[in-house]
């Protein structure tokens, strides 16, 4: 999000005067074993043109490469006061905190030692702070002097994408926080307690920025200013890049445990839900010694290629990044995993009655006795029945689920469901989730009668209220049970937002859950449900649900009367295999 208060009227920096307010700055640069690089960064600071006071603090974090002597040699010729602090190696977070403790400016600007800033950097930051920002993220495009090759090309793409994303309409997240170019009001930084040093102590690496960002974004105005530019001179070797991947994995696990609400975003950021990760990288990461062997081979291959005309070869880049992903996920596994990744089985039932006399409804109706055998079989096999609230907490906050979790859902809310809830579910203490069609004037299954089925009654308001008392949560199944991908925008709105309005009038509260009629959904349908304010939505797909699934497209496995005991076992154990066998061999 571009230099805009998270909840206020947008502010455009370019419209502000070029004369900055009299804010004072202290620039803090932590450095470790990068003598030449940090000296170049300091020389760039010497070229800063700013109308207010500023000074520089460089924290040398245990370097043994002569950094202190080199900095003192150039300090005499600097037009800006520079303090050099030498300390035993304590990690990046500790070095930044130490620099901030020595700061005298109203604003502390953190720059990494590989950042080559533009002369107007303080002017740009000052403009944003004068407009009300309490913290400002700067732009970090790749420095043209960075060594050529696929590593720097990848960094350039990441930097451009990050800048574009930060300027979008969505709020900034902790993962936008880049401590390598961040200015914060000194009082705010002190009040938040600075960076958590445990993330980067003892050779650890990563996520101290995001951890600080969680605290910063909760109560403070954070903005991105694309005109505040510091070029990133990326000089990390292929081997160091791989080592950072493993260390980042450890930091990610630590961050996810401290801030579980951000786990899904972190998981997606690392491509945790992609087929390549699920089917290739993560299985390879579980093989003893293989991730380290792949990483060593990739480092050797990339290190050699980057010195030749093959430095930008896309095939070598793919091999390298594949090995990097395997190494990363091995680090996640060694640290205990990013989150509870237990697959969730969501079952979809319709009528709990025997309608074998109706050619259409027969397969969508399961009698009470057979339904009880399903429940007994699931319990015997070690499944744990969970509620809709349990599932929502899992998706929203990565709350853990019990072993082999299963959620029971019921579409349409036929009158027979109340009997099943009272006589079967409630006595067994089994929670469930049911979806009602909100605008059937006749109180019957009008959508099915249109194709010649018999009439079945739907629960009225009183029946729905009684259903809730038996432990069955309620959601919407649209207004009129229409196939949503075929609808225009107005009809989609009516079937989603309109259903929510109906439900609110009926039940005195807004619905939190939605189920797509016939399981039919596309990108437009999913977007309409999300915009209508539902917390979660369910479709139909023969697979278990995972934490990385779209919260508004959680898959369910449909239960049918034609499912034999063997097929029921297969469906609830291996849904995908069940579908494959049914479509390939048992049509």
Protein backbone atom coordinates (compact mmCIF):
# COMPACT_ATOMS: atom_id res chain seq x y z
CA UNK A 1 0.00 0.00 0.00
CA UNK A 2 1.59 3.24 -1.12
CA UNK A 3 2.26 5.78 1.63
CA UNK A 4 -1.40 5.75 2.69
CA UNK A 5 -2.75 5.52 6.23
CA UNK A 6 -4.29 2.10 6.75
CA UNK A 7 -7.68 3.54 7.63
CA UNK A 8 -7.53 7.16 6.56
CA UNK A 9 -7.83 9.26 3.42
CA UNK A 10 -5.02 8.47 0.95
CA UNK A 11 -2.11 10.89 0.90
CA UNK A 12 -0.04 11.43 -2.24
CA UNK A 13 3.56 12.31 -1.45
CA UNK A 14 4.19 13.74 -4.91
CA UNK A 15 1.64 16.43 -4.16
CA UNK A 16 3.56 17.58 -1.10
CA UNK A 17 6.11 20.34 -1.09
CA UNK A 18 9.74 19.42 -1.74
CA UNK A 19 10.76 21.44 1.34
CA UNK A 20 10.80 18.94 4.18
CA UNK A 21 9.73 19.76 7.71
CA UNK A 22 12.55 20.17 10.25
CA UNK A 23 12.64 16.51 11.30
CA UNK A 24 15.93 15.09 12.48
CA UNK A 25 17.16 11.66 11.42
CA UNK A 26 19.63 9.09 12.65
CA UNK A 27 20.62 6.54 10.02
CA UNK A 28 21.51 3.14 11.50
CA UNK A 29 23.55 0.62 9.49
CA UNK A 30 24.40 -2.78 11.00
CA UNK A 31 27.21 -4.66 9.26
CA UNK A 32 29.04 -7.96 9.46
CA UNK A 33 32.04 -9.03 7.37
CA UNK A 34 31.30 -6.62 4.51
CA UNK A 35 34.02 -4.01 4.68
CA UNK A 36 33.97 -2.82 1.07
CA UNK A 37 30.19 -2.99 0.78
CA UNK A 38 29.46 -0.98 3.92
CA UNK A 39 32.03 1.62 2.91
CA UNK A 40 30.19 2.08 -0.39
CA UNK A 41 26.91 2.42 1.52
CA UNK A 42 28.46 5.09 3.77
CA UNK A 43 29.85 7.00 0.76
CA UNK A 44 26.33 7.09 -0.71
CA UNK A 45 25.07 8.58 2.57
CA UNK A 46 27.72 11.27 2.25
CA UNK A 47 25.93 12.43 -0.91
CA UNK A 48 22.58 12.89 0.82
CA UNK A 49 21.02 16.32 0.31
CA UNK A 50 18.66 17.20 3.15
CA UNK A 51 17.59 20.46 4.75
CA UNK A 52 17.36 19.11 8.29
CA UNK A 53 19.85 17.61 10.75
CA UNK A 54 20.94 13.98 10.48
CA UNK A 55 23.71 11.71 11.65
CA UNK A 56 24.93 8.18 11.04
CA UNK A 57 25.52 5.22 13.38
CA UNK A 58 27.29 2.15 12.01
CA UNK A 59 27.22 -0.94 14.22
CA UNK A 60 30.03 -3.37 13.40
CA UNK A 61 28.65 -6.68 14.63
CA UNK A 62 31.77 -8.72 15.34
CA UNK A 63 33.45 -8.25 11.96
CA UNK A 64 37.07 -9.38 11.67
CA UNK A 65 37.74 -8.08 8.17
CA UNK A 66 39.01 -4.61 9.07
CA UNK A 67 35.65 -2.87 8.77
CA UNK A 68 36.20 -0.60 11.78
CA UNK A 69 39.56 0.67 10.50
CA UNK A 70 38.17 1.26 7.01
CA UNK A 71 35.23 3.25 8.37
CA UNK A 72 37.41 5.38 10.59
CA UNK A 73 39.67 6.11 7.65
CA UNK A 74 36.83 7.58 5.60
CA UNK A 75 35.03 9.26 8.52
CA UNK A 76 37.24 12.39 8.40
CA UNK A 77 36.09 13.22 4.89
CA UNK A 78 32.38 12.64 5.57
CA UNK A 79 30.12 15.73 5.68
CA UNK A 80 27.84 13.92 8.16
CA UNK A 81 28.66 12.98 11.78
CA UNK A 82 29.32 9.25 12.00
CA UNK A 83 29.58 7.09 15.11
CA UNK A 84 31.12 3.63 14.71
CA UNK A 85 30.11 1.11 17.37
CA UNK A 86 32.09 -2.10 17.62
CA UNK A 87 30.52 -5.05 19.43
CA UNK A 88 30.78 -8.82 19.73
CA UNK A 89 28.60 -10.63 17.23
CA UNK A 90 25.02 -10.53 18.50
CA UNK A 91 23.06 -10.83 15.27
CA UNK A 92 21.26 -8.39 13.03
CA UNK A 93 18.40 -7.62 15.43
CA UNK A 94 20.77 -6.85 18.29
CA UNK A 95 22.91 -4.60 16.07
CA UNK A 96 19.88 -2.62 14.91
CA UNK A 97 18.65 -2.20 18.48
CA UNK A 98 22.09 -1.05 19.58
CA UNK A 99 22.19 1.53 16.81
CA UNK A 100 18.71 2.79 17.70
CA UNK A 101 19.76 3.10 21.35
CA UNK A 102 22.50 5.54 20.26
CA UNK A 103 20.19 7.51 17.96
CA UNK A 104 19.46 11.17 18.65
CA UNK A 105 17.17 11.94 15.70
CA UNK A 106 13.41 12.01 15.91
CA UNK A 107 13.32 9.42 13.14
CA UNK A 108 15.51 6.32 12.96
CA UNK A 109 16.20 5.16 9.41
CA UNK A 110 17.44 1.57 9.24
CA UNK A 111 19.48 0.68 6.17
CA UNK A 112 21.28 -2.60 5.55
CA UNK A 113 24.95 -2.52 4.66
CA UNK A 114 24.18 -3.45 1.03
CA UNK A 115 21.86 -0.48 0.43
CA UNK A 116 23.05 2.34 -1.82
CA UNK A 117 20.69 5.20 -1.10
CA UNK A 118 19.69 8.08 -3.35
CA UNK A 119 20.59 11.63 -2.30
CA UNK A 120 16.94 12.54 -1.66
CA UNK A 121 16.17 9.56 0.59
CA UNK A 122 15.74 11.60 3.79
CA UNK A 123 13.62 14.20 2.02
CA UNK A 124 11.26 11.48 0.84
CA UNK A 125 11.00 9.84 4.24
CA UNK A 126 10.51 13.23 5.90
CA UNK A 127 7.63 14.02 3.57
CA UNK A 128 5.82 10.84 4.56
CA UNK A 129 6.41 11.40 8.28
CA UNK A 130 5.25 15.00 7.97
CA UNK A 131 2.04 13.68 6.41
CA UNK A 132 1.34 11.58 9.50
CA UNK A 133 3.24 8.34 9.02
CA UNK A 134 4.83 6.77 12.09
CA UNK A 135 6.86 4.33 10.01
CA UNK A 136 7.82 4.35 6.34
CA UNK A 137 8.90 1.51 4.10
CA UNK A 138 11.20 2.48 1.26
CA UNK A 139 11.65 1.14 -2.23
CA UNK A 140 14.60 -1.28 -2.74
CA UNK A 141 15.15 -1.91 -6.45
CA UNK A 142 18.21 -3.92 -7.48
CA UNK A 143 21.43 -1.93 -7.74
CA UNK A 144 22.83 -2.08 -11.31
CA UNK A 145 26.28 -2.79 -9.86
CA UNK A 146 25.10 -6.14 -8.46
CA UNK A 147 26.89 -9.17 -9.96
CA UNK A 148 25.00 -10.47 -13.01
CA UNK A 149 23.28 -13.84 -12.97
CA UNK A 150 20.05 -15.65 -12.18
CA UNK A 151 20.31 -14.90 -8.44
CA UNK A 152 20.30 -11.13 -8.91
CA UNK A 153 17.72 -11.40 -11.67
CA UNK A 154 15.45 -13.21 -9.21
CA UNK A 155 16.02 -10.52 -6.59
CA UNK A 156 15.18 -7.83 -9.15
CA UNK A 157 11.85 -9.53 -9.94
CA UNK A 158 11.08 -9.95 -6.24
CA UNK A 159 11.84 -6.27 -5.52
CA UNK A 160 9.64 -5.08 -8.40
CA UNK A 161 6.77 -7.36 -7.36
CA UNK A 162 7.11 -6.29 -3.74
CA UNK A 163 6.96 -2.61 -4.67
CA UNK A 164 3.90 -3.18 -6.85
CA UNK A 165 2.19 -5.17 -4.11
CA UNK A 166 2.98 -2.52 -1.50
CA UNK A 167 1.33 0.13 -3.66
CA UNK A 168 -1.90 -1.85 -4.06
CA UNK A 169 -5.20 -1.33 -2.28
CA UNK A 170 -4.68 -4.17 0.19
CA UNK A 171 -3.28 -3.30 3.63
CA UNK A 172 0.38 -3.79 4.34
CA UNK A 173 1.23 -7.04 6.12
CA UNK A 174 4.16 -8.06 8.34
CA UNK A 175 5.73 -9.68 5.29
CA UNK A 176 6.07 -6.28 3.62
CA UNK A 177 8.34 -5.16 6.45
CA UNK A 178 11.91 -4.85 5.22
CA UNK A 179 14.20 -3.72 8.01
CA UNK A 180 16.87 -3.06 5.41
CA UNK A 181 15.06 0.15 4.44
CA UNK A 182 12.64 1.27 7.13
CA UNK A 183 12.24 4.52 9.02
CA UNK A 184 10.43 4.63 12.37
CA UNK A 185 9.77 7.38 14.85
CA UNK A 186 12.28 6.79 17.62
CA UNK A 187 9.62 6.99 20.33
CA UNK A 188 7.51 4.37 18.56
CA UNK A 189 10.49 2.06 18.14
CA UNK A 190 11.34 2.33 21.82
CA UNK A 191 7.72 1.77 22.87
CA UNK A 192 7.57 -1.43 20.79
CA UNK A 193 10.78 -2.76 22.30
CA UNK A 194 12.73 -2.91 19.06
CA UNK A 195 13.56 -6.06 17.14
CA UNK A 196 13.33 -9.46 18.81
CA UNK A 197 16.99 -10.45 18.96
CA UNK A 198 16.27 -14.18 19.29
CA UNK A 199 15.45 -14.44 15.59
CA UNK A 200 18.98 -13.52 14.51
CA UNK A 201 21.12 -14.46 17.51
CA UNK A 202 23.76 -17.17 17.26
CA UNK A 203 23.89 -17.28 13.48
CA UNK A 204 20.13 -17.45 12.98
CA UNK A 205 18.53 -15.55 10.14
CA UNK A 206 15.14 -14.15 9.15
CA UNK A 207 11.69 -12.93 10.26
CA UNK A 208 12.86 -10.37 12.83
CA UNK A 209 11.41 -7.82 10.39
CA UNK A 210 8.01 -9.53 10.16
CA UNK A 211 7.86 -10.05 13.93
CA UNK A 212 8.48 -6.33 14.46
CA UNK A 213 5.94 -5.62 11.72
CA UNK A 214 3.19 -7.48 13.57
CA UNK A 215 3.59 -5.16 16.54
CA UNK A 216 4.09 -2.07 14.41
CA UNK A 217 1.04 -2.58 12.21
CA UNK A 218 -1.31 -3.25 15.11
CA UNK A 219 -1.42 0.31 16.37
CA UNK A 220 0.65 2.54 14.11
CA UNK A 221 0.40 4.28 10.75
CA UNK A 222 2.78 2.49 8.37
CA UNK A 223 3.18 3.61 4.76
CA UNK A 224 5.15 2.69 1.68
CA UNK A 225 6.86 5.50 -0.24
CA UNK A 226 7.96 4.38 -3.72
CA UNK A 227 10.02 7.55 -4.15
CA UNK A 228 12.20 6.80 -1.11
CA UNK A 229 14.76 4.71 -2.96
CA UNK A 230 17.78 2.77 -1.81
CA UNK A 231 19.27 0.40 -4.37
CA UNK A 232 19.97 -3.11 -3.14
CA UNK A 233 23.42 -4.33 -4.16
CA UNK A 234 22.92 -8.07 -3.92
CA UNK A 235 26.28 -9.78 -3.30
CA UNK A 236 25.11 -12.99 -1.63
CA UNK A 237 26.76 -16.12 -3.02
CA UNK A 238 24.83 -19.16 -4.19
CA UNK A 239 25.99 -21.18 -1.18
CA UNK A 240 25.06 -18.44 1.29
CA UNK A 241 21.67 -18.07 -0.38
CA UNK A 242 21.01 -21.78 0.19
CA UNK A 243 22.15 -21.59 3.80
CA UNK A 244 19.78 -18.68 4.32
CA UNK A 245 16.92 -20.78 2.95
CA UNK A 246 17.41 -23.37 5.70
CA UNK A 247 17.81 -20.72 8.39
CA UNK A 248 14.74 -18.89 7.08
CA UNK A 249 12.75 -22.09 7.45
CA UNK A 250 13.64 -22.26 11.13
CA UNK A 251 12.70 -18.61 11.56
CA UNK A 252 9.41 -19.15 9.71
CA UNK A 253 8.42 -21.95 12.08
CA UNK A 254 9.26 -19.77 15.07
CA UNK A 255 7.26 -16.87 13.64
CA UNK A 256 4.26 -19.10 12.86
CA UNK A 257 4.15 -20.38 16.43
CA UNK A 258 4.32 -16.88 17.86
CA UNK A 259 1.83 -15.41 15.41
CA UNK A 260 -0.47 -18.27 14.30
CA UNK A 261 -2.88 -15.87 12.64
CA UNK A 262 -0.28 -15.27 9.93
CA UNK A 263 0.53 -18.93 9.31
CA UNK A 264 -1.63 -19.38 6.22
CA UNK A 265 -0.14 -16.29 4.58
CA UNK A 266 3.37 -17.46 5.42
CA UNK A 267 2.59 -20.92 4.09
CA UNK A 268 1.32 -19.47 0.82
CA UNK A 269 4.29 -17.11 0.59
CA UNK A 270 6.54 -20.16 0.48
CA UNK A 271 4.35 -21.94 -2.10
CA UNK A 272 3.28 -24.52 0.45
CA UNK A 273 0.06 -25.38 -1.37
CA UNK A 274 1.43 -25.81 -4.89
CA UNK A 275 1.47 -29.24 -6.49
CA UNK A 276 5.23 -29.06 -6.99
CA UNK A 277 5.76 -28.44 -3.29
CA UNK A 278 3.28 -31.08 -2.13
CA UNK A 279 4.27 -33.78 -4.61
CA UNK A 280 7.99 -33.16 -5.12
CA UNK A 281 9.80 -30.76 -2.77
CA UNK A 282 8.30 -31.82 0.54
CA UNK A 283 8.51 -35.59 -0.09
CA UNK A 284 12.18 -35.16 -1.10
CA UNK A 285 12.76 -33.06 2.02
CA UNK A 286 11.79 -36.04 4.17
CA UNK A 287 14.54 -38.31 2.77
CA UNK A 288 17.53 -38.40 5.16
CA UNK A 289 20.64 -36.57 3.91
CA UNK A 290 19.13 -35.88 0.47
CA UNK A 291 18.33 -32.15 1.04
CA UNK A 292 21.91 -31.43 2.12
CA UNK A 293 23.32 -33.36 -0.82
CA UNK A 294 21.06 -31.50 -3.25
CA UNK A 295 21.98 -28.17 -1.67
CA UNK A 296 25.71 -28.90 -1.90
CA UNK A 297 25.39 -29.96 -5.52
CA UNK A 298 23.27 -26.91 -6.36
CA UNK A 299 25.75 -24.56 -4.68
CA UNK A 300 28.61 -26.07 -6.67
CA UNK A 301 26.70 -25.98 -9.95
CA UNK A 302 25.44 -22.41 -9.45
CA UNK A 303 28.78 -21.14 -8.14
CA UNK A 304 30.48 -22.41 -11.30
CA UNK A 305 27.74 -21.28 -13.69
CA UNK A 306 27.63 -17.74 -12.27
CA UNK A 307 31.25 -17.28 -13.37
CA UNK A 308 30.49 -18.24 -16.97
CA UNK A 309 28.15 -17.16 -19.79
CA UNK A 310 25.69 -19.68 -18.32
CA UNK A 311 25.09 -17.33 -15.37
CA UNK A 312 21.53 -16.63 -16.54
CA UNK A 313 20.69 -20.10 -17.83
CA UNK A 314 17.08 -20.82 -16.93
CA UNK A 315 17.57 -24.59 -16.63
CA UNK A 316 20.36 -24.16 -14.10
CA UNK A 317 18.22 -21.61 -12.27
CA UNK A 318 15.32 -24.07 -12.06
CA UNK A 319 17.56 -26.83 -10.72
CA UNK A 320 19.04 -24.44 -8.17
CA UNK A 321 15.73 -23.09 -6.92
CA UNK A 322 14.27 -26.61 -6.82
CA UNK A 323 17.13 -27.74 -4.58
CA UNK A 324 16.65 -24.60 -2.52
CA UNK A 325 12.98 -25.43 -1.97
CA UNK A 326 13.81 -28.97 -0.88
CA UNK A 327 16.42 -27.60 1.54
CA UNK A 328 13.94 -25.02 2.86
CA UNK A 329 11.22 -27.60 3.55
CA UNK A 330 13.73 -29.89 5.21
CA UNK A 331 14.42 -26.99 7.58
CA UNK A 332 10.71 -26.55 8.21
CA UNK A 333 10.38 -30.25 8.97
CA UNK A 334 13.42 -30.30 11.25
CA UNK A 335 11.92 -27.39 13.20
CA UNK A 336 8.57 -29.08 13.74
CA UNK A 337 6.52 -27.81 10.81
CA UNK A 338 4.95 -24.48 9.94
CA UNK A 339 1.50 -25.39 11.21
CA UNK A 340 -0.90 -28.18 11.98
CA UNK A 341 -1.05 -29.71 8.52
CA UNK A 342 -3.47 -32.49 9.40
CA UNK A 343 -5.77 -33.15 6.43
CA UNK A 344 -9.39 -32.31 7.23
CA UNK A 345 -12.17 -34.51 5.89
CA UNK A 346 -15.42 -32.63 5.23
CA UNK A 347 -18.41 -34.81 4.35
CA UNK A 348 -21.49 -33.57 2.52
CA UNK A 349 -24.87 -35.23 3.16
CA UNK A 350 -28.29 -34.26 1.87
CA UNK A 351 -31.45 -36.01 3.09
CA UNK A 352 -31.19 -38.34 6.10
CA UNK A 353 -34.17 -40.40 4.92
CA UNK A 354 -34.93 -43.15 2.44
CA UNK A 355 -36.22 -41.77 -0.87
CA UNK A 356 -35.45 -44.82 -2.96
CA UNK A 357 -38.80 -44.41 -4.72
CA UNK A 358 -37.60 -41.22 -6.43
CA UNK A 359 -35.20 -41.72 -9.34
CA UNK A 360 -33.44 -38.39 -8.77
CA UNK A 361 -33.46 -38.16 -4.97
CA UNK A 362 -32.61 -41.81 -4.31
CA UNK A 363 -28.86 -41.39 -4.44
CA UNK A 364 -28.95 -38.20 -2.36
CA UNK A 365 -30.85 -39.74 0.54
CA UNK A 366 -29.29 -41.95 3.21
CA UNK A 367 -31.56 -43.48 5.82
CA UNK A 368 -31.04 -42.89 9.56
CA UNK A 369 -29.84 -46.45 10.26
CA UNK A 370 -27.24 -46.31 7.51
CA UNK A 371 -26.19 -42.85 8.60
CA UNK A 372 -25.51 -44.24 12.06
CA UNK A 373 -23.32 -46.96 10.58
CA UNK A 374 -21.29 -44.23 8.85
CA UNK A 375 -20.75 -42.44 12.14
CA UNK A 376 -19.84 -45.63 13.96
CA UNK A 377 -17.36 -46.58 11.24
CA UNK A 378 -15.68 -43.18 11.35
CA UNK A 379 -15.41 -43.30 15.13
CA UNK A 380 -14.00 -46.85 15.08
CA UNK A 381 -11.33 -45.80 12.57
CA UNK A 382 -10.14 -43.01 14.85
CA UNK A 383 -11.80 -39.97 13.29
CA UNK A 384 -12.53 -36.98 15.54
CA UNK A 385 -15.73 -35.02 14.88
CA UNK A 386 -15.06 -31.27 14.80
CA UNK A 387 -17.34 -28.23 14.65
CA UNK A 388 -17.59 -25.44 12.09
CA UNK A 389 -16.00 -23.12 14.65
CA UNK A 390 -13.06 -25.52 15.02
CA UNK A 391 -12.55 -25.49 11.26
CA UNK A 392 -12.81 -21.71 11.05
CA UNK A 393 -10.26 -21.26 13.85
CA UNK A 394 -7.94 -23.67 12.04
CA UNK A 395 -8.12 -21.69 8.82
CA UNK A 396 -8.03 -18.23 10.35
CA UNK A 397 -5.54 -18.73 13.19
CA UNK A 398 -3.94 -22.09 12.38
CA UNK A 399 -5.51 -23.49 15.57
CA UNK A 400 -4.68 -27.19 15.89
CA UNK A 401 -7.22 -29.87 15.04
CA UNK A 402 -7.48 -33.28 16.70
CA UNK A 403 -6.16 -36.40 14.93
CA UNK A 404 -8.10 -37.38 11.80
CA UNK A 405 -10.63 -34.51 12.00
CA UNK A 406 -13.94 -34.79 10.17
CA UNK A 407 -16.69 -32.18 9.78
CA UNK A 408 -20.23 -33.28 8.92
CA UNK A 409 -22.22 -30.93 6.68
CA UNK A 410 -25.78 -31.14 5.37
CA UNK A 411 -27.13 -29.32 2.33
CA UNK A 412 -30.71 -28.04 1.90
CA UNK A 413 -31.98 -28.46 5.52
CA UNK A 414 -34.74 -30.97 4.81
CA UNK A 415 -37.14 -31.53 7.72
CA UNK A 416 -35.67 -34.99 8.35
CA UNK A 417 -32.42 -33.37 9.47
CA UNK A 418 -34.06 -32.20 12.70
CA UNK A 419 -34.84 -35.82 13.60
CA UNK A 420 -31.27 -36.86 12.84
CA UNK A 421 -29.89 -34.02 14.95
CA UNK A 422 -32.16 -34.80 17.91
CA UNK A 423 -31.94 -38.61 17.82
CA UNK A 424 -28.45 -39.28 16.45
CA UNK A 425 -26.05 -36.33 16.53
CA UNK A 426 -26.94 -34.65 19.83
CA UNK A 427 -26.90 -37.82 21.97
CA UNK A 428 -23.47 -38.68 20.56
CA UNK A 429 -22.17 -35.14 21.06
CA UNK A 430 -21.37 -34.79 17.36
CA UNK A 431 -21.38 -31.21 16.00
CA UNK A 432 -22.37 -30.45 12.42
CA UNK A 433 -23.00 -27.65 9.93
CA UNK A 434 -26.15 -27.31 7.80
CA UNK A 435 -26.93 -24.99 4.90
CA UNK A 436 -30.44 -23.66 4.27
CA UNK A 437 -31.98 -22.28 1.07
CA UNK A 438 -33.40 -18.96 2.21
CA UNK A 439 -36.06 -17.94 -0.31
CA UNK A 440 -38.25 -20.97 -1.04
CA UNK A 441 -41.73 -19.48 -0.63
CA UNK A 442 -43.40 -22.91 -0.56
CA UNK A 443 -41.00 -24.21 2.07
CA UNK A 444 -40.15 -27.16 -0.19
CA UNK A 445 -37.43 -28.26 -2.62
CA UNK A 446 -38.68 -26.26 -5.61
CA UNK A 447 -35.39 -26.60 -7.49
CA UNK A 448 -35.77 -30.41 -7.58
CA UNK A 449 -39.49 -30.38 -8.37
CA UNK A 450 -38.65 -28.49 -11.56
CA UNK A 451 -37.01 -31.67 -12.86
CA UNK A 452 -39.77 -33.99 -11.72
CA UNK A 453 -38.90 -35.05 -8.19
CA UNK A 454 -41.32 -35.42 -5.34
CA UNK A 455 -41.92 -32.60 -2.89
CA UNK A 456 -39.82 -32.53 0.28
CA UNK A 457 -40.30 -30.10 3.14
CA UNK A 458 -37.61 -27.72 4.33
CA UNK A 459 -37.10 -26.60 7.92
CA UNK A 460 -38.82 -23.32 8.81
CA UNK A 461 -37.42 -20.67 11.14
CA UNK A 462 -38.51 -22.50 14.25
CA UNK A 463 -37.03 -25.75 12.97
CA UNK A 464 -33.73 -24.09 12.13
CA UNK A 465 -33.57 -22.58 15.59
CA UNK A 466 -34.20 -25.99 17.15
CA UNK A 467 -31.49 -27.46 14.93
CA UNK A 468 -29.00 -25.01 16.41
CA UNK A 469 -29.97 -26.06 19.91
CA UNK A 470 -28.94 -29.60 19.02
CA UNK A 471 -25.44 -28.44 18.11
CA UNK A 472 -25.84 -27.91 14.36
CA UNK A 473 -24.42 -24.59 13.11
CA UNK A 474 -26.22 -22.90 10.23
CA UNK A 475 -25.11 -21.35 6.97
CA UNK A 476 -26.61 -20.34 3.62
CA UNK A 477 -27.12 -22.48 0.54
CA UNK A 478 -28.09 -19.47 -1.62
CA UNK A 479 -31.60 -18.07 -2.04
CA UNK A 480 -32.98 -20.38 -4.73
CA UNK A 481 -30.44 -23.19 -5.26
CA UNK A 482 -29.19 -22.10 -8.68
CA UNK A 483 -25.93 -23.18 -10.36
CA UNK A 484 -23.83 -20.13 -9.62
CA UNK A 485 -21.30 -20.16 -12.50
CA UNK A 486 -24.23 -19.63 -14.91
CA UNK A 487 -25.48 -16.47 -13.17
CA UNK A 488 -24.86 -12.85 -14.12
CA UNK A 489 -23.48 -10.39 -11.57
CA UNK A 490 -26.89 -9.22 -10.32
CA UNK A 491 -28.10 -12.76 -9.81
CA UNK A 492 -24.84 -13.70 -8.07
CA UNK A 493 -25.33 -10.80 -5.68
CA UNK A 494 -28.89 -11.91 -4.96
CA UNK A 495 -27.86 -15.52 -4.30
CA UNK A 496 -25.03 -14.55 -1.95
CA UNK A 497 -25.59 -11.14 -0.33
CA UNK A 498 -29.34 -11.55 -0.72
CA UNK A 499 -29.25 -14.92 1.03
CA UNK A 500 -27.26 -13.34 3.86
CA UNK A 501 -29.93 -10.65 4.23
CA UNK A 502 -32.68 -13.30 4.29
CA UNK A 503 -30.80 -15.30 6.91
CA UNK A 504 -30.27 -12.23 9.08
CA UNK A 505 -33.99 -11.45 9.03
CA UNK A 506 -34.86 -15.07 9.79
CA UNK A 507 -32.33 -15.87 12.50
CA UNK A 508 -31.44 -12.43 13.89
CA UNK A 509 -27.73 -12.74 13.02
CA UNK A 510 -25.53 -12.74 9.95
CA UNK A 511 -24.51 -16.10 8.49
CA UNK A 512 -20.84 -17.05 8.60
CA UNK A 513 -20.85 -20.03 6.25
CA UNK A 514 -21.97 -20.73 2.69
CA UNK A 515 -22.25 -23.84 0.51
CA UNK A 516 -22.36 -23.61 -3.30
CA UNK A 517 -25.48 -25.28 -4.75
CA UNK A 518 -24.51 -28.45 -6.65
CA UNK A 519 -20.94 -27.69 -5.56
CA UNK A 520 -20.73 -25.37 -8.57
CA UNK A 521 -18.36 -22.42 -8.26
CA UNK A 522 -15.90 -20.45 -10.30
CA UNK A 523 -13.73 -17.41 -9.60
CA UNK A 524 -16.71 -15.04 -9.88
CA UNK A 525 -18.84 -17.12 -7.53
CA UNK A 526 -16.09 -17.41 -4.95
CA UNK A 527 -15.46 -13.66 -5.14
CA UNK A 528 -19.17 -12.91 -4.72
CA UNK A 529 -19.39 -15.09 -1.61
CA UNK A 530 -16.30 -13.46 -0.13
CA UNK A 531 -17.58 -9.95 -0.84
CA UNK A 532 -20.93 -10.85 0.74
CA UNK A 533 -19.11 -11.22 4.04
CA UNK A 534 -19.16 -14.96 4.68
CA UNK A 535 -16.27 -16.23 6.78
CA UNK A 536 -15.94 -19.51 4.87
CA UNK A 537 -17.57 -21.38 2.00
CA UNK A 538 -17.70 -25.01 0.91
CA UNK A 539 -17.79 -26.63 -2.50
CA UNK A 540 -17.58 -30.24 -3.63
CA UNK A 541 -14.32 -31.94 -4.54
CA UNK A 542 -13.18 -35.45 -3.78
CA UNK A 543 -10.20 -34.49 -1.64
CA UNK A 544 -9.37 -33.60 1.91
CA UNK A 545 -9.11 -29.96 2.95
CA UNK A 546 -5.75 -28.40 3.73
CA UNK A 547 -4.70 -25.24 5.53
CA UNK A 548 -3.60 -23.74 2.22
CA UNK A 549 -7.05 -24.08 0.61
CA UNK A 550 -9.00 -20.95 -0.22
CA UNK A 551 -11.14 -20.21 2.83
CA UNK A 552 -14.07 -19.65 0.45
CA UNK A 553 -13.53 -22.88 -1.46
CA UNK A 554 -13.08 -25.60 1.15
CA UNK A 555 -13.53 -29.02 -0.48
CA UNK A 556 -16.14 -31.55 0.66
CA UNK A 557 -16.60 -35.21 -0.21
CA UNK A 558 -20.19 -36.00 -1.20
CA UNK A 559 -21.85 -39.02 0.42
CA UNK A 560 -24.29 -40.98 -1.76
CA UNK A 561 -26.70 -43.86 -1.19
CA UNK A 562 -24.89 -45.85 -3.89
CA UNK A 563 -21.70 -45.84 -1.80
CA UNK A 564 -21.14 -49.42 -0.67
CA UNK A 565 -19.34 -49.97 2.66
CA UNK A 566 -16.12 -50.56 0.75
CA UNK A 567 -16.58 -47.37 -1.29
CA UNK A 568 -17.47 -45.41 1.85
CA UNK A 569 -14.17 -46.58 3.38
CA UNK A 570 -12.27 -45.64 0.23
CA UNK A 571 -13.99 -42.24 -0.08
CA UNK A 572 -13.19 -41.30 3.50
CA UNK A 573 -9.65 -42.69 3.38
CA UNK A 574 -8.47 -41.81 -0.14
CA UNK A 575 -11.02 -39.50 -1.79
CA UNK A 576 -8.95 -38.84 -4.90
CA UNK A 577 -8.29 -42.53 -5.49
CA UNK A 578 -11.98 -43.26 -5.03
CA UNK A 579 -12.89 -40.77 -7.73
CA UNK A 580 -10.21 -42.11 -10.08
CA UNK A 581 -11.38 -45.70 -9.71
CA UNK A 582 -15.04 -44.77 -10.04
CA UNK A 583 -14.54 -42.70 -13.20
CA UNK A 584 -12.02 -45.04 -14.80
CA UNK A 585 -13.32 -48.51 -13.95
CA UNK A 586 -16.76 -48.32 -12.35
CA UNK A 587 -18.76 -45.96 -14.49
